[in-house]
């Protein structure tokens, strides 16, 4: 009986992982459609193909832990629990958005979810994460700061300064490097003389290991091990999450720097159908369940779009709010 309960629990958790990845994928696909219709403006960087990273890592984090993300952060926000309606409204730039429409696609922020925000500057989130972790340590708070960044950030000075200080001060930071091989349009081997990113992290005495970022279960296992180590006083940990984005860098990207055959080859490792196959093999994902899940997610997205469409723009009278500090009363 105990063995059956264990199997049932594993199947239930597997379905939850599958659902979360599917929510991210369908949300991103809808955002691409809305962008083409000029409903979403500015820049748009889609997370399609990398869903296993955000969903897997978030399983290991607690509500009190913090997340610092990049400008490709919609998947992190959804996996963290940011409601889809306010997230979609934020994409539209509406006042009901999780950042009151002031962040848009690249700067999603949600204080309640402790999503400290997406960051448009490559590597810009690294020193923020170190500062937050230092504050937690000085205050005696048992919290982890998870910092997501791309492999392109490893070439920035902020990476080296942040790794050095995190190790020097023994800070509770989980460094999550989403290595999708192309920093915008530059292949890793064309920008880095040393492409073993774990070796770079290890040079700062930070324990580091590579993870198959196309396998959500492997990501979750690695993240749980890392978080346990950090909370146990083991200092910072570096995970190189080897993944791949199936879409261009942004909606403006002509994608001339990689071969279509390479993209198609990586799509064979798509984390969503890969997990679906494992669940079906164990009898946990019959067609009826999969179809019901798709229907439920489609309805959630439909409601989110309706919410965004019906929401107001911020009043011009509010233009200077949050820009200048209000003068304290005498």
C-alpha atoms as a PDB file:
ATOM      1  CA  UNK A   1       0.000   0.000   0.000  1.00  0.00           C
ATOM      2  CA  UNK A   2       2.832   2.392   0.856  1.00  0.00           C
ATOM      3  CA  UNK A   3       4.455   1.663  -2.505  1.00  0.00           C
ATOM      4  CA  UNK A   4       1.181   2.457  -4.292  1.00  0.00           C
ATOM      5  CA  UNK A   5       0.865   5.762  -2.431  1.00  0.00           C
ATOM      6  CA  UNK A   6       4.421   6.628  -3.468  1.00  0.00           C
ATOM      7  CA  UNK A   7       3.650   5.838  -7.114  1.00  0.00           C
ATOM      8  CA  UNK A   8       0.413   7.853  -6.958  1.00  0.00           C
ATOM      9  CA  UNK A   9       2.209  10.810  -5.402  1.00  0.00           C
ATOM     10  CA  UNK A  10       4.916  10.681  -8.076  1.00  0.00           C
ATOM     11  CA  UNK A  11       2.274  10.572 -10.829  1.00  0.00           C
ATOM     12  CA  UNK A  12       0.369  13.481  -9.294  1.00  0.00           C
ATOM     13  CA  UNK A  13       3.532  15.537  -9.033  1.00  0.00           C
ATOM     14  CA  UNK A  14       4.504  14.633 -12.585  1.00  0.00           C
ATOM     15  CA  UNK A  15       1.125  15.844 -13.830  1.00  0.00           C
ATOM     16  CA  UNK A  16       1.587  19.106 -11.916  1.00  0.00           C
ATOM     17  CA  UNK A  17       4.984  19.641 -13.563  1.00  0.00           C
ATOM     18  CA  UNK A  18       3.504  18.879 -16.961  1.00  0.00           C
ATOM     19  CA  UNK A  19       0.611  21.279 -16.417  1.00  0.00           C
ATOM     20  CA  UNK A  20       2.900  24.119 -15.343  1.00  0.00           C
ATOM     21  CA  UNK A  21       5.164  23.711 -18.358  1.00  0.00           C
ATOM     22  CA  UNK A  22       2.141  23.553 -20.635  1.00  0.00           C
ATOM     23  CA  UNK A  23       0.717  26.748 -19.085  1.00  0.00           C
ATOM     24  CA  UNK A  24       3.968  28.565 -19.801  1.00  0.00           C
ATOM     25  CA  UNK A  25       4.132  27.247 -23.377  1.00  0.00           C
ATOM     26  CA  UNK A  26       0.544  28.170 -24.221  1.00  0.00           C
ATOM     27  CA  UNK A  27       0.862  31.590 -22.553  1.00  0.00           C
ATOM     28  CA  UNK A  28       3.977  32.368 -24.562  1.00  0.00           C
ATOM     29  CA  UNK A  29       2.372  31.204 -27.796  1.00  0.00           C
ATOM     30  CA  UNK A  30      -0.567  33.503 -27.094  1.00  0.00           C
ATOM     31  CA  UNK A  31       1.806  36.396 -26.378  1.00  0.00           C
ATOM     32  CA  UNK A  32       3.454  35.877 -29.766  1.00  0.00           C
ATOM     33  CA  UNK A  33       0.026  36.044 -31.392  1.00  0.00           C
ATOM     34  CA  UNK A  34      -0.920  39.187 -29.451  1.00  0.00           C
ATOM     35  CA  UNK A  35       2.384  40.826 -30.290  1.00  0.00           C
ATOM     36  CA  UNK A  36       1.771  40.248 -33.983  1.00  0.00           C
ATOM     37  CA  UNK A  37      -1.626  41.897 -33.498  1.00  0.00           C
ATOM     38  CA  UNK A  38       0.082  44.917 -31.837  1.00  0.00           C
ATOM     39  CA  UNK A  39      -1.676  44.252 -28.535  1.00  0.00           C
ATOM     40  CA  UNK A  40       1.689  43.761 -26.829  1.00  0.00           C
ATOM     41  CA  UNK A  41       4.292  46.354 -27.718  1.00  0.00           C
ATOM     42  CA  UNK A  42       7.976  46.978 -27.163  1.00  0.00           C
ATOM     43  CA  UNK A  43      10.261  43.954 -26.977  1.00  0.00           C
ATOM     44  CA  UNK A  44       9.097  40.402 -26.396  1.00  0.00           C
ATOM     45  CA  UNK A  45      11.425  37.541 -25.471  1.00  0.00           C
ATOM     46  CA  UNK A  46       9.712  34.165 -25.379  1.00  0.00           C
ATOM     47  CA  UNK A  47      10.583  31.274 -23.064  1.00  0.00           C
ATOM     48  CA  UNK A  48       9.427  28.545 -25.441  1.00  0.00           C
ATOM     49  CA  UNK A  49      11.714  25.519 -25.109  1.00  0.00           C
ATOM     50  CA  UNK A  50      13.117  26.480 -21.714  1.00  0.00           C
ATOM     51  CA  UNK A  51      10.029  25.747 -19.593  1.00  0.00           C
ATOM     52  CA  UNK A  52      11.643  22.878 -17.690  1.00  0.00           C
ATOM     53  CA  UNK A  53      14.160  25.251 -16.119  1.00  0.00           C
ATOM     54  CA  UNK A  54      11.742  27.685 -14.459  1.00  0.00           C
ATOM     55  CA  UNK A  55       9.207  25.023 -13.502  1.00  0.00           C
ATOM     56  CA  UNK A  56      11.832  22.650 -12.135  1.00  0.00           C
ATOM     57  CA  UNK A  57      13.729  25.211 -10.071  1.00  0.00           C
ATOM     58  CA  UNK A  58      10.581  26.744  -8.576  1.00  0.00           C
ATOM     59  CA  UNK A  59       9.695  23.381  -7.023  1.00  0.00           C
ATOM     60  CA  UNK A  60      12.673  23.724  -4.705  1.00  0.00           C
ATOM     61  CA  UNK A  61      11.975  27.283  -3.593  1.00  0.00           C
ATOM     62  CA  UNK A  62       9.762  28.342  -0.688  1.00  0.00           C
ATOM     63  CA  UNK A  63       7.431  31.377  -0.541  1.00  0.00           C
ATOM     64  CA  UNK A  64       9.976  33.313   1.521  1.00  0.00           C
ATOM     65  CA  UNK A  65      12.754  32.779  -1.026  1.00  0.00           C
ATOM     66  CA  UNK A  66      13.357  35.448  -3.684  1.00  0.00           C
ATOM     67  CA  UNK A  67      13.732  35.270  -7.450  1.00  0.00           C
ATOM     68  CA  UNK A  68      15.787  37.616  -9.601  1.00  0.00           C
ATOM     69  CA  UNK A  69      15.148  37.048 -13.303  1.00  0.00           C
ATOM     70  CA  UNK A  70      16.133  38.202 -16.789  1.00  0.00           C
ATOM     71  CA  UNK A  71      14.008  39.889 -19.455  1.00  0.00           C
ATOM     72  CA  UNK A  72      12.878  36.384 -20.567  1.00  0.00           C
ATOM     73  CA  UNK A  73      10.939  35.995 -17.335  1.00  0.00           C
ATOM     74  CA  UNK A  74       7.293  35.261 -18.140  1.00  0.00           C
ATOM     75  CA  UNK A  75       7.907  31.570 -17.465  1.00  0.00           C
ATOM     76  CA  UNK A  76       9.530  32.348 -14.117  1.00  0.00           C
ATOM     77  CA  UNK A  77       6.552  34.522 -13.151  1.00  0.00           C
ATOM     78  CA  UNK A  78       3.945  31.891 -14.009  1.00  0.00           C
ATOM     79  CA  UNK A  79       5.907  29.075 -12.385  1.00  0.00           C
ATOM     80  CA  UNK A  80       6.314  31.218  -9.281  1.00  0.00           C
ATOM     81  CA  UNK A  81       2.568  31.648  -8.978  1.00  0.00           C
ATOM     82  CA  UNK A  82       1.950  35.095 -10.453  1.00  0.00           C
ATOM     83  CA  UNK A  83      -1.678  35.054 -11.622  1.00  0.00           C
ATOM     84  CA  UNK A  84      -2.070  34.916 -15.378  1.00  0.00           C
ATOM     85  CA  UNK A  85      -4.573  37.779 -15.540  1.00  0.00           C
ATOM     86  CA  UNK A  86      -2.318  40.417 -13.950  1.00  0.00           C
ATOM     87  CA  UNK A  87       0.652  39.029 -15.891  1.00  0.00           C
ATOM     88  CA  UNK A  88      -1.168  39.408 -19.203  1.00  0.00           C
ATOM     89  CA  UNK A  89      -2.344  42.881 -18.202  1.00  0.00           C
ATOM     90  CA  UNK A  90       1.282  43.743 -17.517  1.00  0.00           C
ATOM     91  CA  UNK A  91       2.187  42.591 -21.013  1.00  0.00           C
ATOM     92  CA  UNK A  92      -0.467  44.973 -22.343  1.00  0.00           C
ATOM     93  CA  UNK A  93       0.846  47.795 -20.147  1.00  0.00           C
ATOM     94  CA  UNK A  94      -2.427  48.102 -18.241  1.00  0.00           C
ATOM     95  CA  UNK A  95      -2.733  49.483 -14.717  1.00  0.00           C
ATOM     96  CA  UNK A  96      -4.100  46.139 -13.446  1.00  0.00           C
ATOM     97  CA  UNK A  97      -0.814  44.480 -14.348  1.00  0.00           C
ATOM     98  CA  UNK A  98       1.335  42.989 -11.609  1.00  0.00           C
ATOM     99  CA  UNK A  99       3.677  45.979 -12.016  1.00  0.00           C
ATOM    100  CA  UNK A 100       0.842  48.447 -12.772  1.00  0.00           C
ATOM    101  CA  UNK A 101       1.784  48.280 -16.437  1.00  0.00           C
ATOM    102  CA  UNK A 102       5.095  50.003 -15.827  1.00  0.00           C
ATOM    103  CA  UNK A 103       7.286  46.949 -16.302  1.00  0.00           C
ATOM    104  CA  UNK A 104       5.843  45.373 -19.406  1.00  0.00           C
ATOM    105  CA  UNK A 105       7.325  42.211 -20.847  1.00  0.00           C
ATOM    106  CA  UNK A 106      10.913  42.825 -19.753  1.00  0.00           C
ATOM    107  CA  UNK A 107      10.473  44.036 -16.168  1.00  0.00           C
ATOM    108  CA  UNK A 108       7.822  41.839 -14.545  1.00  0.00           C
ATOM    109  CA  UNK A 109       7.753  42.375 -10.779  1.00  0.00           C
ATOM    110  CA  UNK A 110       5.482  40.940  -8.097  1.00  0.00           C
ATOM    111  CA  UNK A 111       6.218  41.706  -4.458  1.00  0.00           C
ATOM    112  CA  UNK A 112       3.759  39.150  -3.091  1.00  0.00           C
ATOM    113  CA  UNK A 113       5.441  36.359  -5.062  1.00  0.00           C
ATOM    114  CA  UNK A 114       8.892  37.695  -4.092  1.00  0.00           C
ATOM    115  CA  UNK A 115       9.641  37.960  -7.789  1.00  0.00           C
ATOM    116  CA  UNK A 116      12.046  40.862  -7.518  1.00  0.00           C
ATOM    117  CA  UNK A 117      11.826  41.511 -11.207  1.00  0.00           C
ATOM    118  CA  UNK A 118      13.042  40.875 -14.669  1.00  0.00           C
ATOM    119  CA  UNK A 119      16.115  42.855 -15.652  1.00  0.00           C
ATOM    120  CA  UNK A 120      16.813  44.190 -19.143  1.00  0.00           C
ATOM    121  CA  UNK A 121      20.536  44.597 -18.480  1.00  0.00           C
ATOM    122  CA  UNK A 122      22.551  41.458 -19.225  1.00  0.00           C
ATOM    123  CA  UNK A 123      24.006  40.340 -15.889  1.00  0.00           C
ATOM    124  CA  UNK A 124      22.223  43.176 -14.107  1.00  0.00           C
ATOM    125  CA  UNK A 125      20.390  40.860 -11.726  1.00  0.00           C
ATOM    126  CA  UNK A 126      23.547  39.225 -10.368  1.00  0.00           C
ATOM    127  CA  UNK A 127      24.689  42.025  -8.014  1.00  0.00           C
ATOM    128  CA  UNK A 128      21.068  42.553  -6.936  1.00  0.00           C
ATOM    129  CA  UNK A 129      20.856  38.901  -5.894  1.00  0.00           C
ATOM    130  CA  UNK A 130      24.131  39.151  -3.996  1.00  0.00           C
ATOM    131  CA  UNK A 131      22.900  42.263  -2.185  1.00  0.00           C
ATOM    132  CA  UNK A 132      19.616  40.615  -1.235  1.00  0.00           C
ATOM    133  CA  UNK A 133      21.394  37.513   0.027  1.00  0.00           C
ATOM    134  CA  UNK A 134      23.794  39.642   2.047  1.00  0.00           C
ATOM    135  CA  UNK A 135      20.854  41.502   3.619  1.00  0.00           C
ATOM    136  CA  UNK A 136      19.195  38.197   4.529  1.00  0.00           C
ATOM    137  CA  UNK A 137      22.389  36.889   6.097  1.00  0.00           C
ATOM    138  CA  UNK A 138      22.991  40.064   8.114  1.00  0.00           C
ATOM    139  CA  UNK A 139      19.406  39.950   9.363  1.00  0.00           C
ATOM    140  CA  UNK A 140      19.653  36.282  10.258  1.00  0.00           C
ATOM    141  CA  UNK A 141      16.884  35.266   7.843  1.00  0.00           C
ATOM    142  CA  UNK A 142      16.808  31.688   6.583  1.00  0.00           C
ATOM    143  CA  UNK A 143      16.145  32.506   2.927  1.00  0.00           C
ATOM    144  CA  UNK A 144      17.570  31.744  -0.497  1.00  0.00           C
ATOM    145  CA  UNK A 145      17.849  34.151  -3.416  1.00  0.00           C
ATOM    146  CA  UNK A 146      17.633  32.382  -6.774  1.00  0.00           C
ATOM    147  CA  UNK A 147      19.206  34.363  -9.596  1.00  0.00           C
ATOM    148  CA  UNK A 148      18.444  33.412 -13.201  1.00  0.00           C
ATOM    149  CA  UNK A 149      20.706  34.648 -15.990  1.00  0.00           C
ATOM    150  CA  UNK A 150      21.836  33.564 -19.435  1.00  0.00           C
ATOM    151  CA  UNK A 151      25.251  32.284 -20.413  1.00  0.00           C
ATOM    152  CA  UNK A 152      25.929  35.645 -22.057  1.00  0.00           C
ATOM    153  CA  UNK A 153      26.066  37.194 -18.584  1.00  0.00           C
ATOM    154  CA  UNK A 154      29.099  35.055 -17.771  1.00  0.00           C
ATOM    155  CA  UNK A 155      31.136  37.355 -20.013  1.00  0.00           C
ATOM    156  CA  UNK A 156      30.125  40.412 -17.968  1.00  0.00           C
ATOM    157  CA  UNK A 157      32.119  41.866 -15.118  1.00  0.00           C
ATOM    158  CA  UNK A 158      29.082  41.654 -12.840  1.00  0.00           C
ATOM    159  CA  UNK A 159      29.225  37.870 -13.025  1.00  0.00           C
ATOM    160  CA  UNK A 160      32.802  37.681 -11.766  1.00  0.00           C
ATOM    161  CA  UNK A 161      32.297  40.313  -9.075  1.00  0.00           C
ATOM    162  CA  UNK A 162      29.098  38.643  -7.884  1.00  0.00           C
ATOM    163  CA  UNK A 163      30.551  35.140  -7.794  1.00  0.00           C
ATOM    164  CA  UNK A 164      33.585  36.388  -5.913  1.00  0.00           C
ATOM    165  CA  UNK A 165      31.586  38.268  -3.266  1.00  0.00           C
ATOM    166  CA  UNK A 166      29.016  35.491  -2.849  1.00  0.00           C
ATOM    167  CA  UNK A 167      31.798  32.996  -2.192  1.00  0.00           C
ATOM    168  CA  UNK A 168      33.849  35.381  -0.063  1.00  0.00           C
ATOM    169  CA  UNK A 169      30.890  36.213   2.178  1.00  0.00           C
ATOM    170  CA  UNK A 170      29.364  32.711   2.059  1.00  0.00           C
ATOM    171  CA  UNK A 171      26.001  34.025   0.847  1.00  0.00           C
ATOM    172  CA  UNK A 172      22.781  32.026   0.319  1.00  0.00           C
ATOM    173  CA  UNK A 173      22.526  32.487  -3.449  1.00  0.00           C
ATOM    174  CA  UNK A 174      21.440  29.899  -6.000  1.00  0.00           C
ATOM    175  CA  UNK A 175      22.987  30.942  -9.312  1.00  0.00           C
ATOM    176  CA  UNK A 176      20.881  29.506 -12.155  1.00  0.00           C
ATOM    177  CA  UNK A 177      22.632  29.919 -15.483  1.00  0.00           C
ATOM    178  CA  UNK A 178      20.195  29.254 -18.324  1.00  0.00           C
ATOM    179  CA  UNK A 179      22.674  28.217 -20.998  1.00  0.00           C
ATOM    180  CA  UNK A 180      20.739  28.275 -24.277  1.00  0.00           C
ATOM    181  CA  UNK A 181      23.988  28.500 -26.281  1.00  0.00           C
ATOM    182  CA  UNK A 182      23.288  31.874 -27.902  1.00  0.00           C
ATOM    183  CA  UNK A 183      23.665  35.215 -26.138  1.00  0.00           C
ATOM    184  CA  UNK A 184      21.247  37.084 -28.383  1.00  0.00           C
ATOM    185  CA  UNK A 185      22.855  36.053 -31.678  1.00  0.00           C
ATOM    186  CA  UNK A 186      26.351  35.032 -30.601  1.00  0.00           C
ATOM    187  CA  UNK A 187      27.252  31.386 -30.073  1.00  0.00           C
ATOM    188  CA  UNK A 188      28.941  30.608 -26.761  1.00  0.00           C
ATOM    189  CA  UNK A 189      32.146  29.458 -28.453  1.00  0.00           C
ATOM    190  CA  UNK A 190      32.470  32.778 -30.288  1.00  0.00           C
ATOM    191  CA  UNK A 191      32.346  34.884 -27.126  1.00  0.00           C
ATOM    192  CA  UNK A 192      33.958  32.714 -24.448  1.00  0.00           C
ATOM    193  CA  UNK A 193      37.450  31.218 -24.553  1.00  0.00           C
ATOM    194  CA  UNK A 194      36.369  28.744 -21.847  1.00  0.00           C
ATOM    195  CA  UNK A 195      32.932  27.276 -22.561  1.00  0.00           C
ATOM    196  CA  UNK A 196      32.839  25.063 -19.455  1.00  0.00           C
ATOM    197  CA  UNK A 197      30.758  27.431 -17.352  1.00  0.00           C
ATOM    198  CA  UNK A 198      30.883  25.225 -14.277  1.00  0.00           C
ATOM    199  CA  UNK A 199      34.661  25.465 -14.391  1.00  0.00           C
ATOM    200  CA  UNK A 200      34.388  29.258 -14.305  1.00  0.00           C
ATOM    201  CA  UNK A 201      32.117  29.146 -11.267  1.00  0.00           C
ATOM    202  CA  UNK A 202      34.388  26.620  -9.575  1.00  0.00           C
ATOM    203  CA  UNK A 203      37.315  29.008  -9.973  1.00  0.00           C
ATOM    204  CA  UNK A 204      35.609  31.140  -7.322  1.00  0.00           C
ATOM    205  CA  UNK A 205      35.297  28.130  -5.006  1.00  0.00           C
ATOM    206  CA  UNK A 206      31.567  27.901  -5.750  1.00  0.00           C
ATOM    207  CA  UNK A 207      30.271  24.321  -6.081  1.00  0.00           C
ATOM    208  CA  UNK A 208      28.871  23.915  -9.584  1.00  0.00           C
ATOM    209  CA  UNK A 209      27.379  21.194 -11.696  1.00  0.00           C
ATOM    210  CA  UNK A 210      25.699  20.920 -15.114  1.00  0.00           C
ATOM    211  CA  UNK A 211      22.039  19.923 -15.428  1.00  0.00           C
ATOM    212  CA  UNK A 212      19.966  18.734 -18.371  1.00  0.00           C
ATOM    213  CA  UNK A 213      17.716  21.773 -18.682  1.00  0.00           C
ATOM    214  CA  UNK A 214      15.384  19.916 -21.052  1.00  0.00           C
ATOM    215  CA  UNK A 215      14.411  17.449 -18.304  1.00  0.00           C
ATOM    216  CA  UNK A 216      12.156  19.018 -15.680  1.00  0.00           C
ATOM    217  CA  UNK A 217      12.672  16.154 -13.230  1.00  0.00           C
ATOM    218  CA  UNK A 218      16.451  16.452 -13.457  1.00  0.00           C
ATOM    219  CA  UNK A 219      16.175  20.217 -12.941  1.00  0.00           C
ATOM    220  CA  UNK A 220      13.972  19.806  -9.882  1.00  0.00           C
ATOM    221  CA  UNK A 221      16.290  17.206  -8.361  1.00  0.00           C
ATOM    222  CA  UNK A 222      19.344  19.421  -8.884  1.00  0.00           C
ATOM    223  CA  UNK A 223      17.573  22.500  -7.546  1.00  0.00           C
ATOM    224  CA  UNK A 224      16.396  20.678  -4.411  1.00  0.00           C
ATOM    225  CA  UNK A 225      19.884  19.404  -3.751  1.00  0.00           C
ATOM    226  CA  UNK A 226      21.305  22.894  -4.278  1.00  0.00           C
ATOM    227  CA  UNK A 227      18.752  24.656  -2.067  1.00  0.00           C
ATOM    228  CA  UNK A 228      19.295  22.104   0.705  1.00  0.00           C
ATOM    229  CA  UNK A 229      23.028  22.766   0.515  1.00  0.00           C
ATOM    230  CA  UNK A 230      22.593  26.539   0.572  1.00  0.00           C
ATOM    231  CA  UNK A 231      20.178  26.452   3.513  1.00  0.00           C
ATOM    232  CA  UNK A 232      22.527  24.112   5.323  1.00  0.00           C
ATOM    233  CA  UNK A 233      25.200  26.796   5.325  1.00  0.00           C
ATOM    234  CA  UNK A 234      27.000  25.519   2.247  1.00  0.00           C
ATOM    235  CA  UNK A 235      27.248  28.951   0.669  1.00  0.00           C
ATOM    236  CA  UNK A 236      26.360  29.744  -2.944  1.00  0.00           C
ATOM    237  CA  UNK A 237      25.720  27.080  -5.562  1.00  0.00           C
ATOM    238  CA  UNK A 238      25.970  27.411  -9.355  1.00  0.00           C
ATOM    239  CA  UNK A 239      23.775  25.370 -11.698  1.00  0.00           C
ATOM    240  CA  UNK A 240      24.456  25.350 -15.418  1.00  0.00           C
ATOM    241  CA  UNK A 241      21.043  24.517 -16.859  1.00  0.00           C
ATOM    242  CA  UNK A 242      21.697  23.398 -20.423  1.00  0.00           C
ATOM    243  CA  UNK A 243      18.631  24.349 -22.414  1.00  0.00           C
ATOM    244  CA  UNK A 244      17.571  25.812 -25.755  1.00  0.00           C
ATOM    245  CA  UNK A 245      15.073  28.389 -26.948  1.00  0.00           C
ATOM    246  CA  UNK A 246      13.009  27.268 -29.921  1.00  0.00           C
ATOM    247  CA  UNK A 247      12.036  30.796 -30.970  1.00  0.00           C
ATOM    248  CA  UNK A 248      14.304  33.697 -31.992  1.00  0.00           C
ATOM    249  CA  UNK A 249      15.963  35.807 -29.313  1.00  0.00           C
ATOM    250  CA  UNK A 250      13.128  38.322 -29.570  1.00  0.00           C
ATOM    251  CA  UNK A 251      10.276  38.999 -31.954  1.00  0.00           C
ATOM    252  CA  UNK A 252      12.598  41.359 -33.862  1.00  0.00           C
ATOM    253  CA  UNK A 253      15.317  38.752 -34.358  1.00  0.00           C
ATOM    254  CA  UNK A 254      15.803  37.535 -37.981  1.00  0.00           C
ATOM    255  CA  UNK A 255      17.667  34.506 -36.528  1.00  0.00           C
ATOM    256  CA  UNK A 256      20.476  34.332 -39.066  1.00  0.00           C
ATOM    257  CA  UNK A 257      23.082  32.965 -36.669  1.00  0.00           C
ATOM    258  CA  UNK A 258      21.939  29.339 -36.336  1.00  0.00           C
ATOM    259  CA  UNK A 259      20.817  26.630 -38.710  1.00  0.00           C
ATOM    260  CA  UNK A 260      17.163  25.584 -38.848  1.00  0.00           C
ATOM    261  CA  UNK A 261      18.319  21.961 -38.668  1.00  0.00           C
ATOM    262  CA  UNK A 262      19.894  22.646 -35.283  1.00  0.00           C
ATOM    263  CA  UNK A 263      16.654  24.087 -33.955  1.00  0.00           C
ATOM    264  CA  UNK A 264      14.698  21.085 -35.221  1.00  0.00           C
ATOM    265  CA  UNK A 265      17.202  18.718 -33.627  1.00  0.00           C
ATOM    266  CA  UNK A 266      16.759  20.402 -30.242  1.00  0.00           C
ATOM    267  CA  UNK A 267      12.978  20.275 -30.620  1.00  0.00           C
ATOM    268  CA  UNK A 268      13.282  16.484 -30.489  1.00  0.00           C
ATOM    269  CA  UNK A 269      14.239  17.046 -26.822  1.00  0.00           C
ATOM    270  CA  UNK A 270      11.250  19.300 -26.107  1.00  0.00           C
ATOM    271  CA  UNK A 271      10.696  18.966 -22.333  1.00  0.00           C
ATOM    272  CA  UNK A 272       6.895  18.949 -22.555  1.00  0.00           C
ATOM    273  CA  UNK A 273       6.293  15.955 -24.860  1.00  0.00           C
ATOM    274  CA  UNK A 274       9.242  14.222 -23.183  1.00  0.00           C
ATOM    275  CA  UNK A 275       7.505  14.350 -19.809  1.00  0.00           C
ATOM    276  CA  UNK A 276       4.162  13.502 -21.409  1.00  0.00           C
ATOM    277  CA  UNK A 277       5.664  10.311 -22.837  1.00  0.00           C
ATOM    278  CA  UNK A 278       6.948   9.288 -19.403  1.00  0.00           C
ATOM    279  CA  UNK A 279       3.581   9.976 -17.809  1.00  0.00           C
ATOM    280  CA  UNK A 280       1.692   8.071 -20.519  1.00  0.00           C
ATOM    281  CA  UNK A 281       4.042   5.139 -20.126  1.00  0.00           C
ATOM    282  CA  UNK A 282       3.059   4.961 -16.464  1.00  0.00           C
ATOM    283  CA  UNK A 283      -0.626   5.398 -17.233  1.00  0.00           C
ATOM    284  CA  UNK A 284      -0.815   8.812 -15.571  1.00  0.00           C
ATOM    285  CA  UNK A 285      -1.715  10.854 -18.654  1.00  0.00           C
ATOM    286  CA  UNK A 286      -4.536   9.282 -20.659  1.00  0.00           C
ATOM    287  CA  UNK A 287      -5.809  11.245 -23.651  1.00  0.00           C
ATOM    288  CA  UNK A 288      -8.888  12.449 -21.757  1.00  0.00           C
ATOM    289  CA  UNK A 289      -6.762  13.977 -19.002  1.00  0.00           C
ATOM    290  CA  UNK A 290      -4.429  15.640 -21.505  1.00  0.00           C
ATOM    291  CA  UNK A 291      -7.350  17.083 -23.452  1.00  0.00           C
ATOM    292  CA  UNK A 292      -9.035  18.346 -20.284  1.00  0.00           C
ATOM    293  CA  UNK A 293      -5.789  20.027 -19.237  1.00  0.00           C
ATOM    294  CA  UNK A 294      -5.475  21.764 -22.608  1.00  0.00           C
ATOM    295  CA  UNK A 295      -9.074  22.964 -22.358  1.00  0.00           C
ATOM    296  CA  UNK A 296      -8.571  24.277 -18.832  1.00  0.00           C
ATOM    297  CA  UNK A 297      -5.405  26.163 -19.790  1.00  0.00           C
ATOM    298  CA  UNK A 298      -7.030  27.586 -22.920  1.00  0.00           C
ATOM    299  CA  UNK A 299      -9.853  28.943 -20.753  1.00  0.00           C
ATOM    300  CA  UNK A 300      -7.370  30.442 -18.286  1.00  0.00           C
ATOM    301  CA  UNK A 301      -5.576  32.211 -21.139  1.00  0.00           C
ATOM    302  CA  UNK A 302      -8.867  33.391 -22.644  1.00  0.00           C
ATOM    303  CA  UNK A 303      -9.876  34.870 -19.289  1.00  0.00           C
ATOM    304  CA  UNK A 304      -6.454  36.508 -18.892  1.00  0.00           C
ATOM    305  CA  UNK A 305      -6.720  38.173 -22.291  1.00  0.00           C
ATOM    306  CA  UNK A 306     -10.259  39.354 -21.521  1.00  0.00           C
ATOM    307  CA  UNK A 307      -9.020  40.777 -18.220  1.00  0.00           C
ATOM    308  CA  UNK A 308      -6.207  42.639 -19.955  1.00  0.00           C
ATOM    309  CA  UNK A 309      -8.475  43.925 -22.710  1.00  0.00           C
ATOM    310  CA  UNK A 310     -11.039  45.214 -20.215  1.00  0.00           C
ATOM    311  CA  UNK A 311      -8.458  46.854 -17.940  1.00  0.00           C
ATOM    312  CA  UNK A 312      -7.706  50.568 -17.924  1.00  0.00           C
ATOM    313  CA  UNK A 313      -4.559  52.388 -18.854  1.00  0.00           C
ATOM    314  CA  UNK A 314      -2.881  54.262 -16.047  1.00  0.00           C
ATOM    315  CA  UNK A 315      -4.126  57.840 -15.697  1.00  0.00           C
ATOM    316  CA  UNK A 316      -1.841  60.614 -16.902  1.00  0.00           C
ATOM    317  CA  UNK A 317      -2.302  62.123 -13.443  1.00  0.00           C
ATOM    318  CA  UNK A 318      -0.302  59.174 -12.093  1.00  0.00           C
ATOM    319  CA  UNK A 319       2.610  59.714 -14.455  1.00  0.00           C
ATOM    320  CA  UNK A 320       5.035  60.940 -11.801  1.00  0.00           C
ATOM    321  CA  UNK A 321       3.972  58.442  -9.158  1.00  0.00           C
ATOM    322  CA  UNK A 322       6.794  56.072  -8.146  1.00  0.00           C
ATOM    323  CA  UNK A 323       9.261  58.226 -10.087  1.00  0.00           C
ATOM    324  CA  UNK A 324      10.012  60.825  -7.424  1.00  0.00           C
ATOM    325  CA  UNK A 325      10.056  60.231  -3.686  1.00  0.00           C
ATOM    326  CA  UNK A 326       7.214  61.966  -1.906  1.00  0.00           C
ATOM    327  CA  UNK A 327       8.307  64.683   0.472  1.00  0.00           C
ATOM    328  CA  UNK A 328       7.772  63.703   4.086  1.00  0.00           C
ATOM    329  CA  UNK A 329       5.271  65.735   6.063  1.00  0.00           C
ATOM    330  CA  UNK A 330       6.889  68.306   8.398  1.00  0.00           C
END
